[in-house]
PDB file of all heavy atoms in Angstrom:
ATOM      1  N   LEU A   1      29.880  38.201  21.600  1.00  0.00           N
ATOM      2  CA  LEU A   1      28.609  37.482  21.531  1.00  0.00           C
ATOM      3  C   LEU A   1      28.671  36.341  20.527  1.00  0.00           C
ATOM      4  O   LEU A   1      29.368  36.425  19.507  1.00  0.00           O
ATOM      5  CB  LEU A   1      27.472  38.425  21.138  1.00  0.00           C
ATOM      6  CG  LEU A   1      27.104  39.519  22.134  1.00  0.00           C
ATOM      7  CD1 LEU A   1      26.049  40.442  21.533  1.00  0.00           C
ATOM      8  CD2 LEU A   1      26.588  38.917  23.436  1.00  0.00           C
ATOM      9  N   ILE A   2      27.943  35.274  20.813  1.00  0.00           N
ATOM     10  CA  ILE A   2      27.747  34.165  19.888  1.00  0.00           C
ATOM     11  C   ILE A   2      26.285  34.177  19.473  1.00  0.00           C
ATOM     12  O   ILE A   2      25.385  34.338  20.303  1.00  0.00           O
ATOM     13  CB  ILE A   2      28.101  32.824  20.554  1.00  0.00           C
ATOM     14  CG1 ILE A   2      29.621  32.751  20.824  1.00  0.00           C
ATOM     15  CG2 ILE A   2      27.665  31.638  19.692  1.00  0.00           C
ATOM     16  CD1 ILE A   2      30.042  31.540  21.631  1.00  0.00           C
ATOM     17  N   GLY A   3      26.034  34.027  18.177  1.00  0.00           N
ATOM     18  CA  GLY A   3      24.664  34.066  17.671  1.00  0.00           C
ATOM     19  C   GLY A   3      24.187  32.699  17.216  1.00  0.00           C
ATOM     20  O   GLY A   3      24.953  31.924  16.620  1.00  0.00           O
ATOM     21  N   LEU A   4      22.927  32.380  17.490  1.00  0.00           N
ATOM     22  CA  LEU A   4      22.272  31.171  16.990  1.00  0.00           C
ATOM     23  C   LEU A   4      21.070  31.597  16.158  1.00  0.00           C
ATOM     24  O   LEU A   4      20.379  32.570  16.493  1.00  0.00           O
ATOM     25  CB  LEU A   4      21.808  30.273  18.142  1.00  0.00           C
ATOM     26  CG  LEU A   4      22.783  29.959  19.286  1.00  0.00           C
ATOM     27  CD1 LEU A   4      22.138  28.975  20.267  1.00  0.00           C
ATOM     28  CD2 LEU A   4      24.096  29.420  18.765  1.00  0.00           C
ATOM     29  N   SER A   5      20.787  30.849  15.098  1.00  0.00           N
ATOM     30  CA  SER A   5      19.759  31.257  14.139  1.00  0.00           C
ATOM     31  C   SER A   5      18.341  31.184  14.682  1.00  0.00           C
ATOM     32  O   SER A   5      17.402  31.629  14.026  1.00  0.00           O
ATOM     33  CB  SER A   5      19.861  30.409  12.867  1.00  0.00           C
ATOM     34  OG  SER A   5      19.661  29.038  13.161  1.00  0.00           O
ATOM     35  N   ALA A   6      18.162  30.600  15.868  1.00  0.00           N
ATOM     36  CA  ALA A   6      16.876  30.581  16.579  1.00  0.00           C
ATOM     37  C   ALA A   6      15.904  29.551  15.996  1.00  0.00           C
ATOM     38  O   ALA A   6      16.273  28.656  15.245  1.00  0.00           O
ATOM     39  CB  ALA A   6      16.245  31.971  16.636  1.00  0.00           C
ATOM     40  N   CYS A   7      14.641  29.711  16.361  1.00  0.00           N
ATOM     41  CA  CYS A   7      13.579  28.744  16.057  1.00  0.00           C
ATOM     42  C   CYS A   7      13.001  29.001  14.665  1.00  0.00           C
ATOM     43  O   CYS A   7      13.607  29.675  13.836  1.00  0.00           O
ATOM     44  CB  CYS A   7      12.488  28.869  17.113  1.00  0.00           C
ATOM     45  SG  CYS A   7      11.836  30.554  17.228  1.00  0.00           S
ATOM     46  N   LEU A   8      11.813  28.488  14.431  1.00  0.00           N
ATOM     47  CA  LEU A   8      11.126  28.742  13.164  1.00  0.00           C
ATOM     48  C   LEU A   8      10.911  30.238  12.924  1.00  0.00           C
ATOM     49  O   LEU A   8      10.689  30.664  11.791  1.00  0.00           O
ATOM     50  CB  LEU A   8       9.771  28.023  13.153  1.00  0.00           C
ATOM     51  CG  LEU A   8       9.817  26.498  12.975  1.00  0.00           C
ATOM     52  CD1 LEU A   8       8.520  25.865  13.469  1.00  0.00           C
ATOM     53  CD2 LEU A   8      10.069  26.128  11.519  1.00  0.00           C
ATOM     54  N   GLY A   9      10.960  31.033  13.995  1.00  0.00           N
ATOM     55  CA  GLY A   9      10.767  32.472  13.868  1.00  0.00           C
ATOM     56  C   GLY A   9      12.019  33.244  13.515  1.00  0.00           C
ATOM     57  O   GLY A   9      11.972  34.466  13.365  1.00  0.00           O
ATOM     58  N   GLY A  10      13.167  32.571  13.370  1.00  0.00           N
ATOM     59  CA  GLY A  10      14.395  33.254  13.007  1.00  0.00           C
ATOM     60  C   GLY A  10      14.385  33.719  11.559  1.00  0.00           C
ATOM     61  O   GLY A  10      13.643  33.179  10.716  1.00  0.00           O
ATOM     62  N   GLU A  11      15.212  34.690  11.234  1.00  0.00           N
ATOM     63  CA  GLU A  11      15.228  35.225   9.863  1.00  0.00           C
ATOM     64  C   GLU A  11      15.638  34.162   8.857  1.00  0.00           C
ATOM     65  O   GLU A  11      14.970  33.965   7.831  1.00  0.00           O
ATOM     66  CB  GLU A  11      16.171  36.428   9.765  1.00  0.00           C
ATOM     67  CG  GLU A  11      16.217  37.015   8.360  1.00  0.00           C
ATOM     68  CD  GLU A  11      17.180  38.182   8.225  1.00  0.00           C
ATOM     69  OE1 GLU A  11      17.849  38.522   9.216  1.00  0.00           O
ATOM     70  OE2 GLU A  11      17.260  38.744   7.108  1.00  0.00           O
ATOM     71  N   VAL A  12      16.737  33.475   9.142  1.00  0.00           N
ATOM     72  CA  VAL A  12      17.207  32.431   8.221  1.00  0.00           C
ATOM     73  C   VAL A  12      16.177  31.303   8.096  1.00  0.00           C
ATOM     74  O   VAL A  12      15.828  30.903   6.968  1.00  0.00           O
ATOM     75  CB  VAL A  12      18.581  31.887   8.671  1.00  0.00           C
ATOM     76  CG1 VAL A  12      18.984  30.683   7.826  1.00  0.00           C
ATOM     77  CG2 VAL A  12      19.647  32.980   8.573  1.00  0.00           C
ATOM     78  N   PRO A  13      15.652  30.762   9.209  1.00  0.00           N
ATOM     79  CA  PRO A  13      14.612  29.732   9.085  1.00  0.00           C
ATOM     80  C   PRO A  13      13.381  30.183   8.305  1.00  0.00           C
ATOM     81  O   PRO A  13      12.829  29.432   7.495  1.00  0.00           O
ATOM     82  CB  PRO A  13      14.260  29.431  10.545  1.00  0.00           C
ATOM     83  CG  PRO A  13      15.517  29.701  11.300  1.00  0.00           C
ATOM     84  CD  PRO A  13      16.088  30.905  10.610  1.00  0.00           C
ATOM     85  N   GLN A  14      12.931  31.417   8.523  1.00  0.00           N
ATOM     86  CA  GLN A  14      11.743  31.911   7.807  1.00  0.00           C
ATOM     87  C   GLN A  14      11.982  31.911   6.296  1.00  0.00           C
ATOM     88  O   GLN A  14      11.130  31.478   5.514  1.00  0.00           O
ATOM     89  CB  GLN A  14      11.395  33.317   8.281  1.00  0.00           C
ATOM     90  CG  GLN A  14      10.737  33.388   9.651  1.00  0.00           C
ATOM     91  CD  GLN A  14      10.384  34.810  10.060  1.00  0.00           C
ATOM     92  OE1 GLN A  14      10.301  35.693   9.206  1.00  0.00           O
ATOM     93  NE2 GLN A  14      10.186  35.035  11.346  1.00  0.00           N
ATOM     94  N   LEU A  15      13.151  32.397   5.876  1.00  0.00           N
ATOM     95  CA  LEU A  15      13.461  32.457   4.446  1.00  0.00           C
ATOM     96  C   LEU A  15      13.566  31.053   3.850  1.00  0.00           C
ATOM     97  O   LEU A  15      13.096  30.801   2.732  1.00  0.00           O
ATOM     98  CB  LEU A  15      14.754  33.235   4.223  1.00  0.00           C
ATOM     99  CG  LEU A  15      14.685  34.739   4.521  1.00  0.00           C
ATOM    100  CD1 LEU A  15      16.068  35.360   4.509  1.00  0.00           C
ATOM    101  CD2 LEU A  15      13.768  35.451   3.515  1.00  0.00           C
ATOM    102  N   LEU A  16      14.165  30.131   4.587  1.00  0.00           N
ATOM    103  CA  LEU A  16      14.276  28.752   4.096  1.00  0.00           C
ATOM    104  C   LEU A  16      12.902  28.114   3.933  1.00  0.00           C
ATOM    105  O   LEU A  16      12.633  27.426   2.940  1.00  0.00           O
ATOM    106  CB  LEU A  16      15.132  27.919   5.047  1.00  0.00           C
ATOM    107  CG  LEU A  16      16.639  28.152   5.004  1.00  0.00           C
ATOM    108  CD1 LEU A  16      17.330  27.356   6.104  1.00  0.00           C
ATOM    109  CD2 LEU A  16      17.219  27.775   3.639  1.00  0.00           C
ATOM    110  N   MET A  17      12.022  28.343   4.919  1.00  0.00           N
ATOM    111  CA  MET A  17      10.693  27.737   4.858  1.00  0.00           C
ATOM    112  C   MET A  17       9.846  28.334   3.739  1.00  0.00           C
ATOM    113  O   MET A  17       8.888  27.728   3.279  1.00  0.00           O
ATOM    114  CB  MET A  17       9.984  27.890   6.206  1.00  0.00           C
ATOM    115  CG  MET A  17      10.638  27.113   7.346  1.00  0.00           C
ATOM    116  SD  MET A  17      10.748  25.339   6.993  1.00  0.00           S
ATOM    117  CE  MET A  17       9.025  24.870   7.054  1.00  0.00           C
ATOM    118  N   GLN A  18      10.198  29.533   3.301  1.00  0.00           N
ATOM    119  CA  GLN A  18       9.491  30.179   2.189  1.00  0.00           C
ATOM    120  C   GLN A  18      10.109  29.808   0.836  1.00  0.00           C
ATOM    121  O   GLN A  18       9.666  30.299  -0.209  1.00  0.00           O
ATOM    122  CB  GLN A  18       9.499  31.686   2.365  1.00  0.00           C
ATOM    123  CG  GLN A  18       8.709  32.184   3.568  1.00  0.00           C
ATOM    124  CD  GLN A  18       8.999  33.637   3.902  1.00  0.00           C
ATOM    125  OE1 GLN A  18       9.526  34.391   3.076  1.00  0.00           O
ATOM    126  NE2 GLN A  18       8.669  34.047   5.118  1.00  0.00           N
ATOM    127  N   GLY A  19      11.149  28.952   0.867  1.00  0.00           N
ATOM    128  CA  GLY A  19      11.801  28.545  -0.365  1.00  0.00           C
ATOM    129  C   GLY A  19      12.725  29.586  -0.952  1.00  0.00           C
ATOM    130  O   GLY A  19      13.169  29.456  -2.107  1.00  0.00           O
ATOM    131  N   ARG A  20      13.046  30.599  -0.194  1.00  0.00           N
ATOM    132  CA  ARG A  20      13.915  31.693  -0.682  1.00  0.00           C
ATOM    133  C   ARG A  20      15.358  31.402  -0.273  1.00  0.00           C
ATOM    134  O   ARG A  20      15.971  32.082   0.540  1.00  0.00           O
ATOM    135  CB  ARG A  20      13.415  33.021  -0.116  1.00  0.00           C
ATOM    136  CG  ARG A  20      11.999  33.344  -0.567  1.00  0.00           C
ATOM    137  CD  ARG A  20      11.269  34.295   0.352  1.00  0.00           C
ATOM    138  NE  ARG A  20      11.872  35.624   0.427  1.00  0.00           N
ATOM    139  CZ  ARG A  20      11.439  36.598   1.216  1.00  0.00           C
ATOM    140  NH1 ARG A  20      10.380  36.369   2.007  1.00  0.00           N
ATOM    141  NH2 ARG A  20      12.041  37.765   1.231  1.00  0.00           N
ATOM    142  N   THR A  21      15.911  30.358  -0.873  1.00  0.00           N
ATOM    143  CA  THR A  21      17.204  29.827  -0.446  1.00  0.00           C
ATOM    144  C   THR A  21      18.335  30.831  -0.616  1.00  0.00           C
ATOM    145  O   THR A  21      19.190  30.980   0.272  1.00  0.00           O
ATOM    146  CB  THR A  21      17.530  28.545  -1.229  1.00  0.00           C
ATOM    147  OG1 THR A  21      16.451  27.606  -1.064  1.00  0.00           O
ATOM    148  CG2 THR A  21      18.817  27.908  -0.725  1.00  0.00           C
ATOM    149  N   ASP A  22      18.376  31.515  -1.736  1.00  0.00           N
ATOM    150  CA  ASP A  22      19.462  32.482  -1.966  1.00  0.00           C
ATOM    151  C   ASP A  22      19.433  33.604  -0.926  1.00  0.00           C
ATOM    152  O   ASP A  22      20.483  34.021  -0.421  1.00  0.00           O
ATOM    153  CB  ASP A  22      19.354  33.072  -3.375  1.00  0.00           C
ATOM    154  CG  ASP A  22      19.680  32.056  -4.455  1.00  0.00           C
ATOM    155  OD1 ASP A  22      20.288  31.013  -4.117  1.00  0.00           O
ATOM    156  OD2 ASP A  22      19.311  32.287  -5.624  1.00  0.00           O
ATOM    157  N   GLU A  23      18.223  34.079  -0.599  1.00  0.00           N
ATOM    158  CA  GLU A  23      18.103  35.131   0.409  1.00  0.00           C
ATOM    159  C   GLU A  23      18.468  34.605   1.796  1.00  0.00           C
ATOM    160  O   GLU A  23      19.069  35.315   2.601  1.00  0.00           O
ATOM    161  CB  GLU A  23      16.679  35.677   0.418  1.00  0.00           C
ATOM    162  CG  GLU A  23      16.294  36.438  -0.840  1.00  0.00           C
ATOM    163  CD  GLU A  23      14.837  36.856  -0.823  1.00  0.00           C
ATOM    164  OE1 GLU A  23      14.465  37.673   0.056  1.00  0.00           O
ATOM    165  OE2 GLU A  23      14.068  36.362  -1.665  1.00  0.00           O
ATOM    166  N   ALA A  24      18.119  33.354   2.052  1.00  0.00           N
ATOM    167  CA  ALA A  24      18.486  32.741   3.329  1.00  0.00           C
ATOM    168  C   ALA A  24      19.996  32.628   3.458  1.00  0.00           C
ATOM    169  O   ALA A  24      20.567  32.924   4.525  1.00  0.00           O
ATOM    170  CB  ALA A  24      17.836  31.361   3.464  1.00  0.00           C
ATOM    171  N   ASP A  25      20.647  32.212   2.381  1.00  0.00           N
ATOM    172  CA  ASP A  25      22.117  32.130   2.392  1.00  0.00           C
ATOM    173  C   ASP A  25      22.733  33.497   2.637  1.00  0.00           C
ATOM    174  O   ASP A  25      23.691  33.645   3.411  1.00  0.00           O
ATOM    175  CB  ASP A  25      22.623  31.573   1.057  1.00  0.00           C
ATOM    176  CG  ASP A  25      22.360  30.085   0.896  1.00  0.00           C
ATOM    177  OD1 ASP A  25      21.864  29.456   1.862  1.00  0.00           O
ATOM    178  OD2 ASP A  25      22.659  29.541  -0.191  1.00  0.00           O
ATOM    179  N   ALA A  26      22.185  34.508   1.989  1.00  0.00           N
ATOM    180  CA  ALA A  26      22.710  35.872   2.154  1.00  0.00           C
ATOM    181  C   ALA A  26      22.523  36.347   3.587  1.00  0.00           C
ATOM    182  O   ALA A  26      23.418  36.979   4.165  1.00  0.00           O
ATOM    183  CB  ALA A  26      22.016  36.814   1.177  1.00  0.00           C
ATOM    184  N   ALA A  27      21.360  36.046   4.177  1.00  0.00           N
ATOM    185  CA  ALA A  27      21.106  36.443   5.565  1.00  0.00           C
ATOM    186  C   ALA A  27      22.067  35.740   6.514  1.00  0.00           C
ATOM    187  O   ALA A  27      22.611  36.359   7.438  1.00  0.00           O
ATOM    188  CB  ALA A  27      19.658  36.122   5.935  1.00  0.00           C
ATOM    189  N   ALA A  28      22.292  34.438   6.286  1.00  0.00           N
ATOM    190  CA  ALA A  28      23.215  33.685   7.140  1.00  0.00           C
ATOM    191  C   ALA A  28      24.625  34.239   7.025  1.00  0.00           C
ATOM    192  O   ALA A  28      25.334  34.387   8.036  1.00  0.00           O
ATOM    193  CB  ALA A  28      23.180  32.207   6.759  1.00  0.00           C
ATOM    194  N   ARG A  29      25.029  34.563   5.812  1.00  0.00           N
ATOM    195  CA  ARG A  29      26.373  35.128   5.624  1.00  0.00           C
ATOM    196  C   ARG A  29      26.486  36.487   6.303  1.00  0.00           C
ATOM    197  O   ARG A  29      27.546  36.839   6.837  1.00  0.00           O
ATOM    198  CB  ARG A  29      26.674  35.252   4.129  1.00  0.00           C
ATOM    199  CG  ARG A  29      26.958  33.929   3.429  1.00  0.00           C
ATOM    200  CD  ARG A  29      27.534  34.173   2.033  1.00  0.00           C
ATOM    201  NE  ARG A  29      27.844  32.940   1.345  1.00  0.00           N
ATOM    202  CZ  ARG A  29      27.080  32.351   0.429  1.00  0.00           C
ATOM    203  NH1 ARG A  29      25.912  32.919   0.081  1.00  0.00           N
ATOM    204  NH2 ARG A  29      27.447  31.234  -0.155  1.00  0.00           N
ATOM    205  N   SER A  30      25.396  37.261   6.295  1.00  0.00           N
ATOM    206  CA  SER A  30      25.450  38.579   6.949  1.00  0.00           C
ATOM    207  C   SER A  30      25.643  38.422   8.461  1.00  0.00           C
ATOM    208  O   SER A  30      26.382  39.203   9.074  1.00  0.00           O
ATOM    209  CB  SER A  30      24.168  39.378   6.654  1.00  0.00           C
ATOM    210  OG  SER A  30      23.053  38.887   7.384  1.00  0.00           O
ATOM    211  N   PHE A  31      25.016  37.401   9.050  1.00  0.00           N
ATOM    212  CA  PHE A  31      25.223  37.159  10.475  1.00  0.00           C
ATOM    213  C   PHE A  31      26.653  36.709  10.751  1.00  0.00           C
ATOM    214  O   PHE A  31      27.255  37.103  11.754  1.00  0.00           O
ATOM    215  CB  PHE A  31      24.229  36.117  10.987  1.00  0.00           C
ATOM    216  CG  PHE A  31      22.834  36.634  11.177  1.00  0.00           C
ATOM    217  CD1 PHE A  31      21.765  36.056  10.507  1.00  0.00           C
ATOM    218  CD2 PHE A  31      22.583  37.712  12.018  1.00  0.00           C
ATOM    219  CE1 PHE A  31      20.472  36.526  10.670  1.00  0.00           C
ATOM    220  CE2 PHE A  31      21.286  38.206  12.196  1.00  0.00           C
ATOM    221  CZ  PHE A  31      20.234  37.608  11.517  1.00  0.00           C
ATOM    222  N   CYS A  32      27.198  35.879   9.869  1.00  0.00           N
ATOM    223  CA  CYS A  32      28.597  35.451  10.027  1.00  0.00           C
ATOM    224  C   CYS A  32      29.530  36.656   9.982  1.00  0.00           C
ATOM    225  O   CYS A  32      30.511  36.737  10.732  1.00  0.00           O
ATOM    226  CB  CYS A  32      28.974  34.460   8.928  1.00  0.00           C
ATOM    227  SG  CYS A  32      28.212  32.840   9.081  1.00  0.00           S
ATOM    228  N   GLU A  33      29.220  37.596   9.095  1.00  0.00           N
ATOM    229  CA  GLU A  33      30.047  38.799   8.981  1.00  0.00           C
ATOM    230  C   GLU A  33      29.904  39.678  10.217  1.00  0.00           C
ATOM    231  O   GLU A  33      30.879  40.263  10.697  1.00  0.00           O
ATOM    232  CB  GLU A  33      29.627  39.551   7.722  1.00  0.00           C
ATOM    233  CG  GLU A  33      30.550  40.716   7.344  1.00  0.00           C
ATOM    234  CD  GLU A  33      30.121  42.024   7.995  1.00  0.00           C
ATOM    235  OE1 GLU A  33      28.902  42.206   8.175  1.00  0.00           O
ATOM    236  OE2 GLU A  33      30.995  42.844   8.323  1.00  0.00           O
ATOM    237  N   ILE A  34      28.701  39.756  10.766  1.00  0.00           N
ATOM    238  CA  ILE A  34      28.454  40.576  11.958  1.00  0.00           C
ATOM    239  C   ILE A  34      29.170  39.992  13.181  1.00  0.00           C
ATOM    240  O   ILE A  34      29.852  40.708  13.917  1.00  0.00           O
ATOM    241  CB  ILE A  34      26.942  40.692  12.225  1.00  0.00           C
ATOM    242  CG1 ILE A  34      26.283  41.608  11.195  1.00  0.00           C
ATOM    243  CG2 ILE A  34      26.682  41.240  13.637  1.00  0.00           C
ATOM    244  CD1 ILE A  34      24.766  41.619  11.254  1.00  0.00           C
ATOM    245  N   PHE A  35      29.016  38.686  13.394  1.00  0.00           N
ATOM    246  CA  PHE A  35      29.566  38.069  14.605  1.00  0.00           C
ATOM    247  C   PHE A  35      31.041  37.699  14.472  1.00  0.00           C
ATOM    248  O   PHE A  35      31.775  37.700  15.455  1.00  0.00           O
ATOM    249  CB  PHE A  35      28.759  36.814  14.963  1.00  0.00           C
ATOM    250  CG  PHE A  35      27.384  37.101  15.478  1.00  0.00           C
ATOM    251  CD1 PHE A  35      26.271  36.899  14.672  1.00  0.00           C
ATOM    252  CD2 PHE A  35      27.188  37.589  16.755  1.00  0.00           C
ATOM    253  CE1 PHE A  35      24.988  37.167  15.136  1.00  0.00           C
ATOM    254  CE2 PHE A  35      25.916  37.861  17.237  1.00  0.00           C
ATOM    255  CZ  PHE A  35      24.821  37.653  16.415  1.00  0.00           C
ATOM    256  N   GLY A  36      31.484  37.347  13.272  1.00  0.00           N
ATOM    257  CA  GLY A  36      32.858  36.913  13.091  1.00  0.00           C
ATOM    258  C   GLY A  36      32.935  35.404  12.934  1.00  0.00           C
ATOM    259  O   GLY A  36      31.968  34.671  13.145  1.00  0.00           O
ATOM    260  N   GLU A  37      34.101  34.950  12.595  1.00  0.00           N
ATOM    261  CA  GLU A  37      34.316  33.533  12.296  1.00  0.00           C
ATOM    262  C   GLU A  37      33.979  32.642  13.488  1.00  0.00           C
ATOM    263  O   GLU A  37      34.385  32.898  14.615  1.00  0.00           O
ATOM    264  CB  GLU A  37      35.776  33.313  11.881  1.00  0.00           C
ATOM    265  CG  GLU A  37      36.068  31.909  11.397  1.00  0.00           C
ATOM    266  CD  GLU A  37      37.495  31.759  10.904  1.00  0.00           C
ATOM    267  OE1 GLU A  37      38.229  32.774  10.915  1.00  0.00           O
ATOM    268  OE2 GLU A  37      37.872  30.643  10.519  1.00  0.00           O
ATOM    269  N   ASP A  38      33.231  31.561  13.226  1.00  0.00           N
ATOM    270  CA  ASP A  38      32.863  30.547  14.222  1.00  0.00           C
ATOM    271  C   ASP A  38      32.080  31.122  15.397  1.00  0.00           C
ATOM    272  O   ASP A  38      32.137  30.588  16.507  1.00  0.00           O
ATOM    273  CB  ASP A  38      34.113  29.816  14.751  1.00  0.00           C
ATOM    274  CG  ASP A  38      34.799  29.022  13.664  1.00  0.00           C
ATOM    275  OD1 ASP A  38      34.100  28.518  12.768  1.00  0.00           O
ATOM    276  OD2 ASP A  38      36.037  28.902  13.709  1.00  0.00           O
ATOM    277  N   ARG A  39      31.337  32.195  15.155  1.00  0.00           N
ATOM    278  CA  ARG A  39      30.522  32.758  16.236  1.00  0.00           C
ATOM    279  C   ARG A  39      29.056  32.892  15.829  1.00  0.00           C
ATOM    280  O   ARG A  39      28.274  33.519  16.525  1.00  0.00           O
ATOM    281  CB  ARG A  39      31.099  34.098  16.700  1.00  0.00           C
ATOM    282  CG  ARG A  39      32.388  33.910  17.498  1.00  0.00           C
ATOM    283  CD  ARG A  39      33.081  35.209  17.841  1.00  0.00           C
ATOM    284  NE  ARG A  39      32.196  36.177  18.409  1.00  0.00           N
ATOM    285  CZ  ARG A  39      32.212  37.479  18.116  1.00  0.00           C
ATOM    286  NH1 ARG A  39      33.078  37.938  17.227  1.00  0.00           N
ATOM    287  NH2 ARG A  39      31.381  38.310  18.700  1.00  0.00           N
ATOM    288  N   PHE A  40      28.711  32.268  14.709  1.00  0.00           N
ATOM    289  CA  PHE A  40      27.304  32.165  14.324  1.00  0.00           C
ATOM    290  C   PHE A  40      27.023  30.723  13.944  1.00  0.00           C
ATOM    291  O   PHE A  40      27.777  30.102  13.189  1.00  0.00           O
ATOM    292  CB  PHE A  40      26.972  33.095  13.160  1.00  0.00           C
ATOM    293  CG  PHE A  40      25.531  32.983  12.720  1.00  0.00           C
ATOM    294  CD1 PHE A  40      24.504  33.429  13.539  1.00  0.00           C
ATOM    295  CD2 PHE A  40      25.202  32.401  11.495  1.00  0.00           C
ATOM    296  CE1 PHE A  40      23.169  33.311  13.151  1.00  0.00           C
ATOM    297  CE2 PHE A  40      23.882  32.288  11.097  1.00  0.00           C
ATOM    298  CZ  PHE A  40      22.864  32.748  11.933  1.00  0.00           C
ATOM    299  N   PHE A  41      25.902  30.178  14.483  1.00  0.00           N
ATOM    300  CA  PHE A  41      25.576  28.769  14.290  1.00  0.00           C
ATOM    301  C   PHE A  41      24.137  28.628  13.797  1.00  0.00           C
ATOM    302  O   PHE A  41      23.250  29.399  14.190  1.00  0.00           O
ATOM    303  CB  PHE A  41      25.729  27.997  15.605  1.00  0.00           C
ATOM    304  CG  PHE A  41      27.151  27.920  16.104  1.00  0.00           C
ATOM    305  CD1 PHE A  41      27.736  29.010  16.748  1.00  0.00           C
ATOM    306  CD2 PHE A  41      27.906  26.771  15.940  1.00  0.00           C
ATOM    307  CE1 PHE A  41      29.035  28.950  17.208  1.00  0.00           C
ATOM    308  CE2 PHE A  41      29.211  26.694  16.395  1.00  0.00           C
ATOM    309  CZ  PHE A  41      29.781  27.785  17.035  1.00  0.00           C
ATOM    310  N   LEU A  42      23.920  27.611  12.957  1.00  0.00           N
ATOM    311  CA  LEU A  42      22.579  27.272  12.488  1.00  0.00           C
ATOM    312  C   LEU A  42      21.967  26.289  13.470  1.00  0.00           C
ATOM    313  O   LEU A  42      22.545  25.238  13.755  1.00  0.00           O
ATOM    314  CB  LEU A  42      22.652  26.663  11.082  1.00  0.00           C
ATOM    315  CG  LEU A  42      23.271  27.565  10.001  1.00  0.00           C
ATOM    316  CD1 LEU A  42      23.408  26.804   8.690  1.00  0.00           C
ATOM    317  CD2 LEU A  42      22.441  28.834   9.801  1.00  0.00           C
ATOM    318  N   GLU A  43      20.783  26.620  13.953  1.00  0.00           N
ATOM    319  CA  GLU A  43      20.190  25.924  15.091  1.00  0.00           C
ATOM    320  C   GLU A  43      19.161  24.883  14.635  1.00  0.00           C
ATOM    321  O   GLU A  43      18.073  25.222  14.170  1.00  0.00           O
ATOM    322  CB  GLU A  43      19.528  26.973  15.997  1.00  0.00           C
ATOM    323  CG  GLU A  43      19.070  26.475  17.332  1.00  0.00           C
ATOM    324  CD  GLU A  43      18.555  27.612  18.209  1.00  0.00           C
ATOM    325  OE1 GLU A  43      18.930  28.778  17.963  1.00  0.00           O
ATOM    326  OE2 GLU A  43      17.774  27.319  19.133  1.00  0.00           O
ATOM    327  N   VAL A  44      19.514  23.583  14.771  1.00  0.00           N
ATOM    328  CA  VAL A  44      18.561  22.504  14.509  1.00  0.00           C
ATOM    329  C   VAL A  44      17.938  22.080  15.831  1.00  0.00           C
ATOM    330  O   VAL A  44      18.610  22.055  16.857  1.00  0.00           O
ATOM    331  CB  VAL A  44      19.228  21.304  13.806  1.00  0.00           C
ATOM    332  CG1 VAL A  44      19.669  21.694  12.407  1.00  0.00           C
ATOM    333  CG2 VAL A  44      20.417  20.776  14.599  1.00  0.00           C
TER     334      VAL A  44
END
């Protein structure tokens, strides 16, 4: 599977919009660890 961070309702986007940058980074890294290298993307 390949994962995309989704819309404003995604976990990473929600944390970023709340100004919780460190938690957003941690969440993004957790998805990278779950999916594997180059299989998780941040969706603009």
